[in-house]
């Protein structure tokens, strides 16, 4: 199985959700509270960390249905079906960010 196209799509959707998600400001507040004191001097670093946290959460949460599918079928390694399930899960999580992406990201 060639997993590279699926991985590229999964990462692309995760990055788009991390940058353009409406939850970014909420995550920004949490990162500002939880970040060490030397990060508080630059807002750009806090927004970058917030985007990184949101991308990672999207990546992990989108993989849960695929992991459950693999567990249910007893697969020892990922198949193209489980990778497609992962891609669809991440794409569904990215839907709220799609409006911001098309409004600001594509110019």
PDB file of N, CA and C in Angstrom:
ATOM      1  N   UNK A   1       0.835  -1.184   0.000  1.00  0.00           N
ATOM      2  CA  UNK A   1       0.000   0.000   0.000  1.00  0.00           C
ATOM      3  C   UNK A   1       0.880   1.249   0.000  1.00  0.00           C
ATOM      4  N   UNK A   2       0.547   2.186  -0.832  1.00  0.00           N
ATOM      5  CA  UNK A   2       1.263   3.454  -0.870  1.00  0.00           C
ATOM      6  C   UNK A   2       0.491   4.444   0.002  1.00  0.00           C
ATOM      7  N   UNK A   3       1.081   4.835   1.119  1.00  0.00           N
ATOM      8  CA  UNK A   3       0.393   5.699   2.083  1.00  0.00           C
ATOM      9  C   UNK A   3       0.743   7.163   1.907  1.00  0.00           C
ATOM     10  N   UNK A   4       1.721   7.466   1.072  1.00  0.00           N
ATOM     11  CA  UNK A   4       2.196   8.848   0.972  1.00  0.00           C
ATOM     12  C   UNK A   4       1.122   9.842   0.531  1.00  0.00           C
ATOM     13  N   UNK A   5       0.281   9.549  -0.467  1.00  0.00           N
ATOM     14  CA  UNK A   5      -0.753  10.534  -0.814  1.00  0.00           C
ATOM     15  C   UNK A   5      -1.739  10.794   0.329  1.00  0.00           C
ATOM     16  N   UNK A   6      -2.053   9.752   1.072  1.00  0.00           N
ATOM     17  CA  UNK A   6      -2.951   9.933   2.215  1.00  0.00           C
ATOM     18  C   UNK A   6      -2.296  10.792   3.292  1.00  0.00           C
ATOM     19  N   UNK A   7      -1.030  10.527   3.575  1.00  0.00           N
ATOM     20  CA  UNK A   7      -0.317  11.291   4.604  1.00  0.00           C
ATOM     21  C   UNK A   7      -0.222  12.768   4.213  1.00  0.00           C
ATOM     22  N   UNK A   8       0.026  13.031   2.939  1.00  0.00           N
ATOM     23  CA  UNK A   8       0.108  14.422   2.473  1.00  0.00           C
ATOM     24  C   UNK A   8      -1.236  15.115   2.657  1.00  0.00           C
ATOM     25  N   UNK A   9      -2.321  14.449   2.309  1.00  0.00           N
ATOM     26  CA  UNK A   9      -3.646  15.029   2.492  1.00  0.00           C
ATOM     27  C   UNK A   9      -3.990  15.241   3.955  1.00  0.00           C
ATOM     28  N   UNK A  10      -3.644  14.269   4.798  1.00  0.00           N
ATOM     29  CA  UNK A  10      -3.904  14.381   6.229  1.00  0.00           C
ATOM     30  C   UNK A  10      -3.138  15.565   6.812  1.00  0.00           C
ATOM     31  N   UNK A  11      -1.879  15.687   6.465  1.00  0.00           N
ATOM     32  CA  UNK A  11      -1.081  16.814   6.964  1.00  0.00           C
ATOM     33  C   UNK A  11      -1.601  18.151   6.435  1.00  0.00           C
ATOM     34  N   UNK A  12      -1.999  18.185   5.178  1.00  0.00           N
ATOM     35  CA  UNK A  12      -2.520  19.426   4.593  1.00  0.00           C
ATOM     36  C   UNK A  12      -3.776  19.885   5.329  1.00  0.00           C
ATOM     37  N   UNK A  13      -4.714  18.964   5.554  1.00  0.00           N
ATOM     38  CA  UNK A  13      -5.926  19.325   6.280  1.00  0.00           C
ATOM     39  C   UNK A  13      -5.620  19.732   7.716  1.00  0.00           C
ATOM     40  N   UNK A  14      -4.672  19.056   8.350  1.00  0.00           N
ATOM     41  CA  UNK A  14      -4.314  19.412   9.732  1.00  0.00           C
ATOM     42  C   UNK A  14      -3.715  20.809   9.805  1.00  0.00           C
ATOM     43  N   UNK A  15      -2.856  21.132   8.861  1.00  0.00           N
ATOM     44  CA  UNK A  15      -2.228  22.462   8.845  1.00  0.00           C
ATOM     45  C   UNK A  15      -3.269  23.545   8.570  1.00  0.00           C
ATOM     46  N   UNK A  16      -4.165  23.278   7.626  1.00  0.00           N
ATOM     47  CA  UNK A  16      -5.217  24.257   7.327  1.00  0.00           C
ATOM     48  C   UNK A  16      -6.086  24.493   8.558  1.00  0.00           C
ATOM     49  N   UNK A  17      -6.425  23.420   9.265  1.00  0.00           N
ATOM     50  CA  UNK A  17      -7.243  23.581  10.462  1.00  0.00           C
ATOM     51  C   UNK A  17      -6.474  24.302  11.562  1.00  0.00           C
ATOM     52  N   UNK A  18      -5.189  24.059  11.661  1.00  0.00           N
ATOM     53  CA  UNK A  18      -4.396  24.725  12.685  1.00  0.00           C
ATOM     54  C   UNK A  18      -4.265  26.218  12.452  1.00  0.00           C
ATOM     55  N   UNK A  19      -4.204  26.625  11.218  1.00  0.00           N
ATOM     56  CA  UNK A  19      -4.011  28.036  10.907  1.00  0.00           C
ATOM     57  C   UNK A  19      -5.326  28.807  10.844  1.00  0.00           C
ATOM     58  N   UNK A  20      -6.364  28.213  10.272  1.00  0.00           N
ATOM     59  CA  UNK A  20      -7.591  28.955   9.976  1.00  0.00           C
ATOM     60  C   UNK A  20      -8.786  28.579  10.847  1.00  0.00           C
ATOM     61  N   UNK A  21      -8.605  27.785  11.861  1.00  0.00           N
ATOM     62  CA  UNK A  21      -9.727  27.329  12.679  1.00  0.00           C
ATOM     63  C   UNK A  21     -10.324  28.464  13.505  1.00  0.00           C
ATOM     64  N   UNK A  22     -11.647  28.453  13.668  1.00  0.00           N
ATOM     65  CA  UNK A  22     -12.260  29.442  14.547  1.00  0.00           C
ATOM     66  C   UNK A  22     -11.910  29.218  16.025  1.00  0.00           C
ATOM     67  N   UNK A  23     -11.390  28.061  16.358  1.00  0.00           N
ATOM     68  CA  UNK A  23     -10.989  27.765  17.734  1.00  0.00           C
ATOM     69  C   UNK A  23      -9.595  28.278  18.075  1.00  0.00           C
ATOM     70  N   UNK A  24      -8.936  28.908  17.125  1.00  0.00           N
ATOM     71  CA  UNK A  24      -7.553  29.335  17.330  1.00  0.00           C
ATOM     72  C   UNK A  24      -7.426  30.331  18.484  1.00  0.00           C
ATOM     73  N   UNK A  25      -8.356  31.241  18.608  1.00  0.00           N
ATOM     74  CA  UNK A  25      -8.269  32.225  19.702  1.00  0.00           C
ATOM     75  C   UNK A  25      -8.477  31.571  21.063  1.00  0.00           C
ATOM     76  N   UNK A  26      -9.337  30.559  21.127  1.00  0.00           N
ATOM     77  CA  UNK A  26      -9.525  29.836  22.382  1.00  0.00           C
ATOM     78  C   UNK A  26      -8.252  29.078  22.770  1.00  0.00           C
ATOM     79  N   UNK A  27      -7.643  28.430  21.809  1.00  0.00           N
ATOM     80  CA  UNK A  27      -6.388  27.719  22.060  1.00  0.00           C
ATOM     81  C   UNK A  27      -5.284  28.721  22.409  1.00  0.00           C
ATOM     82  N   UNK A  28      -5.322  29.893  21.783  1.00  0.00           N
ATOM     83  CA  UNK A  28      -4.348  30.941  22.089  1.00  0.00           C
ATOM     84  C   UNK A  28      -4.401  31.336  23.556  1.00  0.00           C
ATOM     85  N   UNK A  29      -5.603  31.445  24.100  1.00  0.00           N
ATOM     86  CA  UNK A  29      -5.742  31.797  25.517  1.00  0.00           C
ATOM     87  C   UNK A  29      -5.143  30.705  26.398  1.00  0.00           C
ATOM     88  N   UNK A  30      -5.415  29.438  26.063  1.00  0.00           N
ATOM     89  CA  UNK A  30      -4.856  28.341  26.847  1.00  0.00           C
ATOM     90  C   UNK A  30      -3.334  28.270  26.743  1.00  0.00           C
ATOM     91  N   UNK A  31      -2.797  28.503  25.558  1.00  0.00           N
ATOM     92  CA  UNK A  31      -1.342  28.485  25.394  1.00  0.00           C
ATOM     93  C   UNK A  31      -0.716  29.648  26.153  1.00  0.00           C
ATOM     94  N   UNK A  32      -1.373  30.785  26.143  1.00  0.00           N
ATOM     95  CA  UNK A  32      -0.850  31.941  26.869  1.00  0.00           C
ATOM     96  C   UNK A  32      -0.802  31.664  28.370  1.00  0.00           C
ATOM     97  N   UNK A  33      -1.790  30.950  28.880  1.00  0.00           N
ATOM     98  CA  UNK A  33      -1.804  30.614  30.300  1.00  0.00           C
ATOM     99  C   UNK A  33      -0.767  29.541  30.620  1.00  0.00           C
ATOM    100  N   UNK A  34      -0.632  28.554  29.746  1.00  0.00           N
ATOM    101  CA  UNK A  34       0.232  27.412  30.038  1.00  0.00           C
ATOM    102  C   UNK A  34       1.669  27.567  29.560  1.00  0.00           C
ATOM    103  N   UNK A  35       1.929  28.547  28.702  1.00  0.00           N
ATOM    104  CA  UNK A  35       3.281  28.720  28.165  1.00  0.00           C
ATOM    105  C   UNK A  35       4.201  29.302  29.230  1.00  0.00           C
ATOM    106  N   UNK A  36       5.481  28.965  29.145  1.00  0.00           N
ATOM    107  CA  UNK A  36       6.447  29.561  30.074  1.00  0.00           C
ATOM    108  C   UNK A  36       6.559  31.081  29.875  1.00  0.00           C
ATOM    109  N   UNK A  37       7.137  31.729  30.832  1.00  0.00           N
ATOM    110  CA  UNK A  37       7.173  33.197  30.843  1.00  0.00           C
ATOM    111  C   UNK A  37       7.961  33.779  29.669  1.00  0.00           C
ATOM    112  N   UNK A  38       8.950  33.081  29.133  1.00  0.00           N
ATOM    113  CA  UNK A  38       9.730  33.671  28.050  1.00  0.00           C
ATOM    114  C   UNK A  38       8.981  33.684  26.735  1.00  0.00           C
ATOM    115  N   UNK A  39       7.860  32.970  26.617  1.00  0.00           N
ATOM    116  CA  UNK A  39       7.049  33.036  25.403  1.00  0.00           C
ATOM    117  C   UNK A  39       6.099  34.221  25.417  1.00  0.00           C
ATOM    118  N   UNK A  40       5.842  34.790  26.581  1.00  0.00           N
ATOM    119  CA  UNK A  40       4.850  35.852  26.688  1.00  0.00           C
ATOM    120  C   UNK A  40       5.296  37.168  26.064  1.00  0.00           C
ATOM    121  N   UNK A  41       6.569  37.290  25.735  1.00  0.00           N
ATOM    122  CA  UNK A  41       7.047  38.546  25.182  1.00  0.00           C
ATOM    123  C   UNK A  41       6.689  38.724  23.709  1.00  0.00           C
ATOM    124  N   UNK A  42       6.419  37.642  22.997  1.00  0.00           N
ATOM    125  CA  UNK A  42       6.146  37.744  21.566  1.00  0.00           C
ATOM    126  C   UNK A  42       4.842  37.017  21.233  1.00  0.00           C
ATOM    127  N   UNK A  43       3.880  37.770  20.727  1.00  0.00           N
ATOM    128  CA  UNK A  43       2.573  37.215  20.404  1.00  0.00           C
ATOM    129  C   UNK A  43       2.662  36.268  19.209  1.00  0.00           C
ATOM    130  N   UNK A  44       3.592  36.522  18.295  1.00  0.00           N
ATOM    131  CA  UNK A  44       3.724  35.662  17.127  1.00  0.00           C
ATOM    132  C   UNK A  44       4.093  34.241  17.511  1.00  0.00           C
ATOM    133  N   UNK A  45       4.941  34.098  18.506  1.00  0.00           N
ATOM    134  CA  UNK A  45       5.323  32.764  18.966  1.00  0.00           C
ATOM    135  C   UNK A  45       4.125  32.068  19.600  1.00  0.00           C
ATOM    136  N   UNK A  46       3.330  32.816  20.352  1.00  0.00           N
ATOM    137  CA  UNK A  46       2.144  32.225  20.964  1.00  0.00           C
ATOM    138  C   UNK A  46       1.129  31.775  19.906  1.00  0.00           C
ATOM    139  N   UNK A  47       0.944  32.574  18.856  1.00  0.00           N
ATOM    140  CA  UNK A  47       0.035  32.163  17.789  1.00  0.00           C
ATOM    141  C   UNK A  47       0.590  30.949  17.042  1.00  0.00           C
ATOM    142  N   UNK A  48       1.893  30.894  16.849  1.00  0.00           N
ATOM    143  CA  UNK A  48       2.492  29.731  16.209  1.00  0.00           C
ATOM    144  C   UNK A  48       2.288  28.481  17.057  1.00  0.00           C
ATOM    145  N   UNK A  49       2.513  28.590  18.360  1.00  0.00           N
ATOM    146  CA  UNK A  49       2.298  27.446  19.250  1.00  0.00           C
ATOM    147  C   UNK A  49       0.827  27.042  19.293  1.00  0.00           C
ATOM    148  N   UNK A  50      -0.062  28.018  19.270  1.00  0.00           N
ATOM    149  CA  UNK A  50      -1.493  27.717  19.254  1.00  0.00           C
ATOM    150  C   UNK A  50      -1.872  26.972  17.979  1.00  0.00           C
ATOM    151  N   UNK A  51      -1.343  27.419  16.873  1.00  0.00           N
ATOM    152  CA  UNK A  51      -1.606  26.751  15.599  1.00  0.00           C
ATOM    153  C   UNK A  51      -1.037  25.335  15.595  1.00  0.00           C
ATOM    154  N   UNK A  52       0.136  25.176  16.165  1.00  0.00           N
ATOM    155  CA  UNK A  52       0.766  23.858  16.233  1.00  0.00           C
ATOM    156  C   UNK A  52      -0.026  22.908  17.128  1.00  0.00           C
ATOM    157  N   UNK A  53      -0.513  23.407  18.247  1.00  0.00           N
ATOM    158  CA  UNK A  53      -1.329  22.587  19.146  1.00  0.00           C
ATOM    159  C   UNK A  53      -2.624  22.172  18.459  1.00  0.00           C
ATOM    160  N   UNK A  54      -3.271  23.090  17.786  1.00  0.00           N
ATOM    161  CA  UNK A  54      -4.526  22.789  17.108  1.00  0.00           C
ATOM    162  C   UNK A  54      -4.320  21.808  15.956  1.00  0.00           C
ATOM    163  N   UNK A  55      -3.227  21.946  15.218  1.00  0.00           N
ATOM    164  CA  UNK A  55      -2.921  20.994  14.151  1.00  0.00           C
ATOM    165  C   UNK A  55      -2.686  19.599  14.704  1.00  0.00           C
ATOM    166  N   UNK A  56      -1.991  19.520  15.817  1.00  0.00           N
ATOM    167  CA  UNK A  56      -1.707  18.221  16.425  1.00  0.00           C
ATOM    168  C   UNK A  56      -2.970  17.569  16.964  1.00  0.00           C
ATOM    169  N   UNK A  57      -3.824  18.360  17.584  1.00  0.00           N
ATOM    170  CA  UNK A  57      -5.096  17.826  18.082  1.00  0.00           C
ATOM    171  C   UNK A  57      -5.951  17.322  16.924  1.00  0.00           C
ATOM    172  N   UNK A  58      -5.968  18.039  15.818  1.00  0.00           N
ATOM    173  CA  UNK A  58      -6.707  17.609  14.638  1.00  0.00           C
ATOM    174  C   UNK A  58      -6.157  16.296  14.097  1.00  0.00           C
ATOM    175  N   UNK A  59      -4.862  16.197  14.033  1.00  0.00           N
ATOM    176  CA  UNK A  59      -4.214  14.986  13.534  1.00  0.00           C
ATOM    177  C   UNK A  59      -4.543  13.781  14.407  1.00  0.00           C
ATOM    178  N   UNK A  60      -4.489  13.954  15.710  1.00  0.00           N
ATOM    179  CA  UNK A  60      -4.753  12.843  16.626  1.00  0.00           C
ATOM    180  C   UNK A  60      -6.238  12.487  16.638  1.00  0.00           C
ATOM    181  N   UNK A  61      -7.101  13.484  16.759  1.00  0.00           N
ATOM    182  CA  UNK A  61      -8.538  13.219  16.833  1.00  0.00           C
ATOM    183  C   UNK A  61      -9.072  12.623  15.533  1.00  0.00           C
ATOM    184  N   UNK A  62      -8.512  13.029  14.407  1.00  0.00           N
ATOM    185  CA  UNK A  62      -8.946  12.467  13.132  1.00  0.00           C
ATOM    186  C   UNK A  62      -8.521  11.025  12.939  1.00  0.00           C
ATOM    187  N   UNK A  63      -7.486  10.599  13.662  1.00  0.00           N
ATOM    188  CA  UNK A  63      -7.008   9.228  13.545  1.00  0.00           C
ATOM    189  C   UNK A  63      -7.737   8.238  14.427  1.00  0.00           C
ATOM    190  N   UNK A  64      -8.557   8.709  15.342  1.00  0.00           N
ATOM    191  CA  UNK A  64      -9.267   7.802  16.247  1.00  0.00           C
ATOM    192  C   UNK A  64     -10.210   6.854  15.499  1.00  0.00           C
ATOM    193  N   UNK A  65     -11.044   7.328  14.556  1.00  0.00           N
ATOM    194  CA  UNK A  65     -11.892   6.367  13.832  1.00  0.00           C
ATOM    195  C   UNK A  65     -11.092   5.334  13.041  1.00  0.00           C
ATOM    196  N   UNK A  66      -9.968   5.739  12.473  1.00  0.00           N
ATOM    197  CA  UNK A  66      -9.136   4.790  11.728  1.00  0.00           C
ATOM    198  C   UNK A  66      -8.528   3.755  12.658  1.00  0.00           C
ATOM    199  N   UNK A  67      -8.110   4.187  13.848  1.00  0.00           N
ATOM    200  CA  UNK A  67      -7.555   3.240  14.815  1.00  0.00           C
ATOM    201  C   UNK A  67      -8.622   2.264  15.296  1.00  0.00           C
ATOM    202  N   UNK A  68      -9.827   2.766  15.491  1.00  0.00           N
ATOM    203  CA  UNK A  68     -10.915   1.859  15.882  1.00  0.00           C
ATOM    204  C   UNK A  68     -11.239   0.861  14.775  1.00  0.00           C
ATOM    205  N   UNK A  69     -11.206   1.314  13.530  1.00  0.00           N
ATOM    206  CA  UNK A  69     -11.427   0.408  12.398  1.00  0.00           C
ATOM    207  C   UNK A  69     -10.340  -0.672  12.335  1.00  0.00           C
ATOM    208  N   UNK A  70      -9.092  -0.268  12.504  1.00  0.00           N
ATOM    209  CA  UNK A  70      -8.009  -1.250  12.473  1.00  0.00           C
ATOM    210  C   UNK A  70      -8.128  -2.245  13.622  1.00  0.00           C
ATOM    211  N   UNK A  71      -8.537  -1.761  14.768  1.00  0.00           N
ATOM    212  CA  UNK A  71      -8.727  -2.642  15.918  1.00  0.00           C
ATOM    213  C   UNK A  71      -9.870  -3.615  15.672  1.00  0.00           C
ATOM    214  N   UNK A  72     -10.956  -3.105  15.075  1.00  0.00           N
ATOM    215  CA  UNK A  72     -12.122  -3.926  14.816  1.00  0.00           C
ATOM    216  C   UNK A  72     -11.840  -5.006  13.785  1.00  0.00           C
ATOM    217  N   UNK A  73     -11.064  -4.670  12.733  1.00  0.00           N
ATOM    218  CA  UNK A  73     -10.755  -5.655  11.694  1.00  0.00           C
ATOM    219  C   UNK A  73      -9.567  -6.536  12.057  1.00  0.00           C
ATOM    220  N   UNK A  74      -8.815  -6.166  13.067  1.00  0.00           N
ATOM    221  CA  UNK A  74      -7.662  -6.968  13.463  1.00  0.00           C
ATOM    222  C   UNK A  74      -6.465  -6.805  12.545  1.00  0.00           C
ATOM    223  N   UNK A  75      -6.377  -5.687  11.863  1.00  0.00           N
ATOM    224  CA  UNK A  75      -5.261  -5.439  10.943  1.00  0.00           C
ATOM    225  C   UNK A  75      -3.975  -5.199  11.735  1.00  0.00           C
ATOM    226  N   UNK A  76      -2.891  -5.778  11.256  1.00  0.00           N
ATOM    227  CA  UNK A  76      -1.610  -5.596  11.940  1.00  0.00           C
ATOM    228  C   UNK A  76      -0.899  -4.316  11.510  1.00  0.00           C
ATOM    229  N   UNK A  77      -1.255  -3.797  10.347  1.00  0.00           N
ATOM    230  CA  UNK A  77      -0.707  -2.520   9.883  1.00  0.00           C
ATOM    231  C   UNK A  77      -1.779  -1.769   9.110  1.00  0.00           C
ATOM    232  N   UNK A  78      -1.508  -0.523   8.837  1.00  0.00           N
ATOM    233  CA  UNK A  78      -2.506   0.328   8.187  1.00  0.00           C
ATOM    234  C   UNK A  78      -2.758  -0.121   6.757  1.00  0.00           C
ATOM    235  N   UNK A  79      -4.019  -0.066   6.374  1.00  0.00           N
ATOM    236  CA  UNK A  79      -4.415  -0.371   5.006  1.00  0.00           C
ATOM    237  C   UNK A  79      -4.867   0.917   4.337  1.00  0.00           C
ATOM    238  N   UNK A  80      -5.147   0.830   3.054  1.00  0.00           N
ATOM    239  CA  UNK A  80      -5.606   2.032   2.354  1.00  0.00           C
ATOM    240  C   UNK A  80      -6.985   2.467   2.852  1.00  0.00           C
ATOM    241  N   UNK A  81      -7.787   1.532   3.315  1.00  0.00           N
ATOM    242  CA  UNK A  81      -9.107   1.892   3.849  1.00  0.00           C
ATOM    243  C   UNK A  81      -8.958   2.667   5.151  1.00  0.00           C
ATOM    244  N   UNK A  82      -8.077   2.205   6.031  1.00  0.00           N
ATOM    245  CA  UNK A  82      -7.890   2.917   7.299  1.00  0.00           C
ATOM    246  C   UNK A  82      -7.256   4.291   7.083  1.00  0.00           C
ATOM    247  N   UNK A  83      -6.367   4.400   6.114  1.00  0.00           N
ATOM    248  CA  UNK A  83      -5.791   5.710   5.807  1.00  0.00           C
ATOM    249  C   UNK A  83      -6.855   6.655   5.238  1.00  0.00           C
ATOM    250  N   UNK A  84      -7.766   6.106   4.423  1.00  0.00           N
ATOM    251  CA  UNK A  84      -8.849   6.922   3.881  1.00  0.00           C
ATOM    252  C   UNK A  84      -9.796   7.364   4.994  1.00  0.00           C
ATOM    253  N   UNK A  85     -10.060   6.484   5.954  1.00  0.00           N
ATOM    254  CA  UNK A  85     -10.896   6.852   7.100  1.00  0.00           C
ATOM    255  C   UNK A  85     -10.227   7.974   7.887  1.00  0.00           C
ATOM    256  N   UNK A  86      -8.917   7.877   8.070  1.00  0.00           N
ATOM    257  CA  UNK A  86      -8.174   8.923   8.782  1.00  0.00           C
ATOM    258  C   UNK A  86      -8.272  10.254   8.025  1.00  0.00           C
ATOM    259  N   UNK A  87      -8.101  10.190   6.707  1.00  0.00           N
ATOM    260  CA  UNK A  87      -8.200  11.398   5.880  1.00  0.00           C
ATOM    261  C   UNK A  87      -9.592  12.014   5.978  1.00  0.00           C
ATOM    262  N   UNK A  88     -10.615  11.191   5.940  1.00  0.00           N
ATOM    263  CA  UNK A  88     -11.990  11.710   6.050  1.00  0.00           C
ATOM    264  C   UNK A  88     -12.250  12.301   7.429  1.00  0.00           C
ATOM    265  N   UNK A  89     -11.719  11.680   8.483  1.00  0.00           N
ATOM    266  CA  UNK A  89     -11.889  12.213   9.824  1.00  0.00           C
ATOM    267  C   UNK A  89     -11.242  13.577   9.980  1.00  0.00           C
ATOM    268  N   UNK A  90     -10.042  13.716   9.446  1.00  0.00           N
ATOM    269  CA  UNK A  90      -9.351  15.007   9.524  1.00  0.00           C
ATOM    270  C   UNK A  90     -10.056  16.046   8.652  1.00  0.00           C
ATOM    271  N   UNK A  91     -10.554  15.613   7.501  1.00  0.00           N
ATOM    272  CA  UNK A  91     -11.275  16.547   6.626  1.00  0.00           C
ATOM    273  C   UNK A  91     -12.555  17.033   7.289  1.00  0.00           C
ATOM    274  N   UNK A  92     -13.250  16.161   7.998  1.00  0.00           N
ATOM    275  CA  UNK A  92     -14.464  16.592   8.706  1.00  0.00           C
ATOM    276  C   UNK A  92     -14.138  17.569   9.829  1.00  0.00           C
ATOM    277  N   UNK A  93     -13.036  17.345  10.513  1.00  0.00           N
ATOM    278  CA  UNK A  93     -12.637  18.275  11.564  1.00  0.00           C
ATOM    279  C   UNK A  93     -12.189  19.623  11.002  1.00  0.00           C
ATOM    280  N   UNK A  94     -11.798  19.648   9.745  1.00  0.00           N
ATOM    281  CA  UNK A  94     -11.319  20.873   9.108  1.00  0.00           C
ATOM    282  C   UNK A  94     -12.456  21.697   8.506  1.00  0.00           C
ATOM    283  N   UNK A  95     -13.648  21.144   8.418  1.00  0.00           N
ATOM    284  CA  UNK A  95     -14.766  21.871   7.805  1.00  0.00           C
ATOM    285  C   UNK A  95     -15.031  23.243   8.426  1.00  0.00           C
ATOM    286  N   UNK A  96     -14.999  23.412   9.750  1.00  0.00           N
ATOM    287  CA  UNK A  96     -15.220  24.771  10.285  1.00  0.00           C
ATOM    288  C   UNK A  96     -14.156  25.778   9.843  1.00  0.00           C
ATOM    289  N   UNK A  97     -12.958  25.312   9.551  1.00  0.00           N
ATOM    290  CA  UNK A  97     -11.892  26.208   9.126  1.00  0.00           C
ATOM    291  C   UNK A  97     -11.918  26.485   7.627  1.00  0.00           C
ATOM    292  N   UNK A  98     -12.733  25.751   6.887  1.00  0.00           N
ATOM    293  CA  UNK A  98     -12.748  25.899   5.429  1.00  0.00           C
ATOM    294  C   UNK A  98     -13.219  27.283   4.995  1.00  0.00           C
ATOM    295  N   UNK A  99     -14.183  27.834   5.706  1.00  0.00           N
ATOM    296  CA  UNK A  99     -14.673  29.171   5.335  1.00  0.00           C
ATOM    297  C   UNK A  99     -13.581  30.216   5.488  1.00  0.00           C
ATOM    298  N   UNK A 100     -12.841  30.152   6.588  1.00  0.00           N
ATOM    299  CA  UNK A 100     -11.738  31.101   6.776  1.00  0.00           C
ATOM    300  C   UNK A 100     -10.623  30.855   5.767  1.00  0.00           C
ATOM    301  N   UNK A 101     -10.385  29.601   5.430  1.00  0.00           N
ATOM    302  CA  UNK A 101      -9.337  29.289   4.460  1.00  0.00           C
ATOM    303  C   UNK A 101      -9.664  29.874   3.095  1.00  0.00           C
ATOM    304  N   UNK A 102     -10.897  29.711   2.657  1.00  0.00           N
ATOM    305  CA  UNK A 102     -11.262  30.238   1.342  1.00  0.00           C
ATOM    306  C   UNK A 102     -11.408  31.754   1.348  1.00  0.00           C
ATOM    307  N   UNK A 103     -11.702  32.331   2.504  1.00  0.00           N
ATOM    308  CA  UNK A 103     -11.808  33.794   2.575  1.00  0.00           C
ATOM    309  C   UNK A 103     -10.447  34.475   2.635  1.00  0.00           C
ATOM    310  N   UNK A 104      -9.501  33.883   3.376  1.00  0.00           N
ATOM    311  CA  UNK A 104      -8.211  34.537   3.589  1.00  0.00           C
ATOM    312  C   UNK A 104      -7.037  33.820   2.933  1.00  0.00           C
ATOM    313  N   UNK A 105      -7.108  32.505   2.812  1.00  0.00           N
ATOM    314  CA  UNK A 105      -5.939  31.726   2.423  1.00  0.00           C
ATOM    315  C   UNK A 105      -5.674  31.645   0.944  1.00  0.00           C
ATOM    316  N   UNK A 106      -6.695  31.718   0.121  1.00  0.00           N
ATOM    317  CA  UNK A 106      -6.505  31.551  -1.307  1.00  0.00           C
ATOM    318  C   UNK A 106      -6.631  32.918  -1.965  1.00  0.00           C
ATOM    319  N   UNK A 107      -5.500  33.524  -2.237  1.00  0.00           N
ATOM    320  CA  UNK A 107      -5.488  34.830  -2.921  1.00  0.00           C
ATOM    321  C   UNK A 107      -4.360  34.893  -3.881  1.00  0.00           C
TER     322      UNK A 107
END
